[in-house]
């Protein structure tokens, strides 16, 4: 069965682009941002300059930055807790 968009049969490249975008969207829904960014990047490689793919990739990269900052804070707090435990024992 062929996928249809605006009553036109999609080219193999357009099908692959849509597949990459949909997979990226699926990863976003379950908050696996690095995989989402990878798929948006693949979509953008197929269609350089695509506004939607570029926007989603940029938004996902911002989410990754926020996630990284949260991880750094957690690791720093854990390190301080371990140091305090060692010093106080």
N, C-alpha and C. Protein backbone atom coordinates (compact mmCIF):
# COMPACT_ATOMS: atom_id res chain seq x y z
N UNK A 1 0.84 -1.18 0.00
CA UNK A 1 0.00 0.00 0.00
C UNK A 1 0.89 1.25 0.00
N UNK A 2 0.63 2.18 -0.89
CA UNK A 2 1.39 3.43 -0.98
C UNK A 2 0.83 4.47 -0.04
N UNK A 3 1.74 5.22 0.57
CA UNK A 3 1.31 6.35 1.39
C UNK A 3 0.98 7.50 0.46
N UNK A 4 -0.04 8.26 0.82
CA UNK A 4 -0.46 9.36 -0.03
C UNK A 4 -0.44 10.64 0.79
N UNK A 5 0.10 11.69 0.22
CA UNK A 5 0.13 13.00 0.83
C UNK A 5 -0.37 14.00 -0.20
N UNK A 6 -1.46 14.69 0.12
CA UNK A 6 -2.07 15.64 -0.81
C UNK A 6 -2.33 14.98 -2.18
N UNK A 7 -2.85 13.78 -2.14
CA UNK A 7 -3.22 13.02 -3.34
C UNK A 7 -2.05 12.70 -4.26
N UNK A 8 -0.83 12.76 -3.76
CA UNK A 8 0.33 12.40 -4.56
C UNK A 8 1.03 11.22 -3.90
N UNK A 9 1.54 10.32 -4.71
CA UNK A 9 2.32 9.21 -4.17
C UNK A 9 3.68 9.76 -3.76
N UNK A 10 4.10 9.39 -2.55
CA UNK A 10 5.36 9.89 -2.04
C UNK A 10 6.54 9.23 -2.75
N UNK A 11 7.58 10.01 -2.97
CA UNK A 11 8.81 9.45 -3.50
C UNK A 11 9.48 8.64 -2.39
N UNK A 12 10.38 7.75 -2.74
CA UNK A 12 11.11 7.01 -1.70
C UNK A 12 11.84 7.94 -0.73
N UNK A 13 12.41 9.04 -1.25
CA UNK A 13 13.10 9.99 -0.39
C UNK A 13 12.12 10.66 0.58
N UNK A 14 10.96 11.06 0.08
CA UNK A 14 9.96 11.69 0.95
C UNK A 14 9.43 10.70 1.99
N UNK A 15 9.26 9.46 1.59
CA UNK A 15 8.83 8.43 2.55
C UNK A 15 9.86 8.27 3.66
N UNK A 16 11.13 8.22 3.28
CA UNK A 16 12.20 8.08 4.27
C UNK A 16 12.25 9.30 5.17
N UNK A 17 12.10 10.49 4.59
CA UNK A 17 12.08 11.73 5.38
C UNK A 17 10.96 11.67 6.41
N UNK A 18 9.76 11.33 5.97
CA UNK A 18 8.60 11.23 6.88
C UNK A 18 8.85 10.18 7.96
N UNK A 19 9.45 9.07 7.58
CA UNK A 19 9.76 8.01 8.54
C UNK A 19 10.73 8.52 9.62
N UNK A 20 11.76 9.22 9.19
CA UNK A 20 12.71 9.79 10.15
C UNK A 20 12.03 10.80 11.07
N UNK A 21 11.20 11.67 10.50
CA UNK A 21 10.50 12.67 11.31
C UNK A 21 9.55 12.01 12.31
N UNK A 22 8.80 11.03 11.85
CA UNK A 22 7.87 10.33 12.74
C UNK A 22 8.60 9.59 13.85
N UNK A 23 9.72 8.98 13.52
CA UNK A 23 10.50 8.27 14.54
C UNK A 23 11.05 9.27 15.55
N UNK A 24 11.53 10.40 15.07
CA UNK A 24 11.99 11.46 15.98
C UNK A 24 10.87 11.91 16.90
N UNK A 25 9.68 12.10 16.34
CA UNK A 25 8.52 12.50 17.15
C UNK A 25 8.19 11.44 18.20
N UNK A 26 8.29 10.18 17.82
CA UNK A 26 8.01 9.09 18.77
C UNK A 26 9.01 9.12 19.93
N UNK A 27 10.28 9.36 19.63
CA UNK A 27 11.29 9.43 20.69
C UNK A 27 11.05 10.64 21.59
N UNK A 28 10.61 11.75 21.01
CA UNK A 28 10.29 12.93 21.82
C UNK A 28 9.18 12.60 22.82
N UNK A 29 8.17 11.89 22.36
CA UNK A 29 7.04 11.55 23.24
C UNK A 29 7.47 10.77 24.47
N UNK A 30 8.50 9.95 24.33
CA UNK A 30 8.97 9.15 25.47
C UNK A 30 10.26 9.73 26.07
N UNK A 31 10.56 10.96 25.67
CA UNK A 31 11.66 11.74 26.22
C UNK A 31 13.04 11.08 26.09
N UNK A 32 13.27 10.49 24.94
CA UNK A 32 14.60 9.97 24.60
C UNK A 32 15.16 10.93 23.56
N UNK A 33 15.71 12.04 24.08
CA UNK A 33 16.05 13.18 23.24
C UNK A 33 17.22 12.94 22.30
N UNK A 34 18.22 12.20 22.72
CA UNK A 34 19.38 11.98 21.85
C UNK A 34 18.99 11.18 20.60
N UNK A 35 18.14 10.18 20.78
CA UNK A 35 17.68 9.41 19.62
C UNK A 35 16.80 10.27 18.73
N UNK A 36 15.95 11.10 19.34
CA UNK A 36 15.10 12.00 18.55
C UNK A 36 15.97 12.93 17.71
N UNK A 37 17.00 13.50 18.33
CA UNK A 37 17.90 14.41 17.60
C UNK A 37 18.57 13.69 16.44
N UNK A 38 18.95 12.46 16.66
CA UNK A 38 19.58 11.68 15.59
C UNK A 38 18.65 11.53 14.39
N UNK A 39 17.39 11.20 14.65
CA UNK A 39 16.44 11.02 13.54
C UNK A 39 16.08 12.33 12.87
N UNK A 40 15.95 13.42 13.64
CA UNK A 40 15.71 14.72 13.01
C UNK A 40 16.91 15.12 12.16
N UNK A 41 18.11 14.80 12.62
CA UNK A 41 19.32 15.08 11.84
C UNK A 41 19.34 14.30 10.54
N UNK A 42 18.91 13.04 10.59
CA UNK A 42 18.84 12.22 9.38
C UNK A 42 17.83 12.80 8.39
N UNK A 43 16.69 13.26 8.93
CA UNK A 43 15.67 13.88 8.08
C UNK A 43 16.23 15.14 7.43
N UNK A 44 16.94 15.93 8.21
CA UNK A 44 17.51 17.18 7.69
C UNK A 44 18.59 16.90 6.64
N UNK A 45 19.29 15.80 6.79
CA UNK A 45 20.30 15.43 5.79
C UNK A 45 19.64 15.08 4.46
N UNK A 46 18.45 14.51 4.53
CA UNK A 46 17.72 14.19 3.30
C UNK A 46 17.14 15.43 2.64
N UNK A 47 16.69 16.38 3.49
CA UNK A 47 16.09 17.60 2.97
C UNK A 47 16.72 18.80 3.67
N UNK A 48 17.96 19.14 3.28
CA UNK A 48 18.63 20.28 3.91
C UNK A 48 17.78 21.55 3.79
N UNK A 49 17.72 22.28 4.88
CA UNK A 49 16.95 23.51 4.86
C UNK A 49 15.48 23.34 5.20
N UNK A 50 15.03 22.10 5.45
CA UNK A 50 13.62 21.90 5.80
C UNK A 50 13.35 22.58 7.15
N UNK A 51 12.40 23.49 7.17
CA UNK A 51 12.12 24.30 8.35
C UNK A 51 11.65 23.46 9.53
N UNK A 52 10.76 22.53 9.29
CA UNK A 52 10.22 21.70 10.37
C UNK A 52 11.31 20.84 11.00
N UNK A 53 12.09 20.18 10.18
CA UNK A 53 13.17 19.32 10.69
C UNK A 53 14.20 20.15 11.44
N UNK A 54 14.55 21.32 10.89
CA UNK A 54 15.51 22.19 11.55
C UNK A 54 15.01 22.69 12.89
N UNK A 55 13.74 23.06 12.95
CA UNK A 55 13.15 23.55 14.20
C UNK A 55 13.12 22.45 15.25
N UNK A 56 12.67 21.27 14.85
CA UNK A 56 12.58 20.16 15.80
C UNK A 56 13.96 19.74 16.29
N UNK A 57 14.95 19.75 15.41
CA UNK A 57 16.31 19.41 15.82
C UNK A 57 16.83 20.43 16.83
N UNK A 58 16.61 21.71 16.55
CA UNK A 58 17.07 22.76 17.47
C UNK A 58 16.38 22.65 18.83
N UNK A 59 15.06 22.42 18.83
CA UNK A 59 14.32 22.28 20.08
C UNK A 59 14.81 21.07 20.87
N UNK A 60 15.09 19.99 20.17
CA UNK A 60 15.55 18.77 20.83
C UNK A 60 16.94 18.97 21.42
N UNK A 61 17.80 19.67 20.71
CA UNK A 61 19.14 19.96 21.23
C UNK A 61 19.05 20.81 22.50
N UNK A 62 18.09 21.72 22.56
CA UNK A 62 17.90 22.52 23.79
C UNK A 62 17.45 21.62 24.94
N UNK A 63 16.59 20.67 24.66
CA UNK A 63 16.15 19.73 25.70
C UNK A 63 17.32 18.88 26.20
N UNK A 64 18.21 18.50 25.28
CA UNK A 64 19.39 17.73 25.67
C UNK A 64 20.29 18.57 26.58
N UNK A 65 20.46 19.85 26.26
CA UNK A 65 21.27 20.72 27.10
C UNK A 65 20.68 20.82 28.51
N UNK A 66 19.37 20.98 28.60
CA UNK A 66 18.71 21.05 29.92
C UNK A 66 18.86 19.74 30.68
N UNK A 67 18.72 18.65 29.97
CA UNK A 67 18.87 17.33 30.58
C UNK A 67 20.30 17.16 31.10
N UNK A 68 21.28 17.57 30.31
CA UNK A 68 22.68 17.48 30.73
C UNK A 68 22.94 18.31 31.98
N UNK A 69 22.40 19.52 32.02
CA UNK A 69 22.58 20.37 33.20
C UNK A 69 22.00 19.71 34.44
N UNK A 70 20.82 19.10 34.30
CA UNK A 70 20.20 18.41 35.44
C UNK A 70 21.06 17.23 35.90
N UNK A 71 21.63 16.52 34.96
CA UNK A 71 22.50 15.38 35.30
C UNK A 71 23.74 15.88 36.05
N UNK A 72 24.33 16.97 35.58
CA UNK A 72 25.52 17.52 36.25
C UNK A 72 25.20 17.92 37.68
N UNK A 73 24.05 18.53 37.89
CA UNK A 73 23.65 18.93 39.25
C UNK A 73 23.48 17.70 40.14
N UNK A 74 22.83 16.68 39.63
CA UNK A 74 22.62 15.45 40.40
C UNK A 74 23.96 14.81 40.76
N UNK A 75 24.86 14.74 39.80
CA UNK A 75 26.18 14.15 40.05
C UNK A 75 26.95 14.98 41.07
N UNK A 76 26.88 16.29 40.97
CA UNK A 76 27.58 17.15 41.92
C UNK A 76 27.03 16.98 43.33
N UNK A 77 25.72 16.92 43.47
CA UNK A 77 25.10 16.72 44.78
C UNK A 77 25.50 15.35 45.34
N UNK A 78 25.51 14.34 44.51
CA UNK A 78 25.90 13.00 44.96
C UNK A 78 27.37 12.99 45.40
N UNK A 79 28.23 13.68 44.67
CA UNK A 79 29.64 13.74 45.03
C UNK A 79 29.83 14.42 46.38
N UNK A 80 29.10 15.51 46.60
CA UNK A 80 29.19 16.21 47.88
C UNK A 80 28.69 15.30 49.00
N UNK A 81 27.60 14.59 48.76
CA UNK A 81 27.06 13.69 49.77
C UNK A 81 28.07 12.60 50.13
N UNK A 82 28.74 12.05 49.13
CA UNK A 82 29.75 11.01 49.38
C UNK A 82 30.92 11.59 50.17
N UNK A 83 31.38 12.78 49.79
CA UNK A 83 32.48 13.42 50.51
C UNK A 83 32.10 13.70 51.96
N UNK A 84 30.90 14.17 52.18
CA UNK A 84 30.45 14.42 53.56
C UNK A 84 30.38 13.13 54.35
N UNK A 85 29.90 12.08 53.72
CA UNK A 85 29.80 10.79 54.40
C UNK A 85 31.19 10.29 54.79
N UNK A 86 32.17 10.47 53.92
CA UNK A 86 33.53 10.02 54.19
C UNK A 86 34.16 10.88 55.30
N UNK A 87 33.97 12.18 55.25
CA UNK A 87 34.55 13.08 56.23
C UNK A 87 33.91 12.90 57.60
N UNK A 88 32.63 12.68 57.65
CA UNK A 88 31.91 12.59 58.91
C UNK A 88 32.01 11.22 59.57
N UNK A 89 32.52 10.23 58.87
CA UNK A 89 32.61 8.87 59.45
C UNK A 89 33.85 8.71 60.25
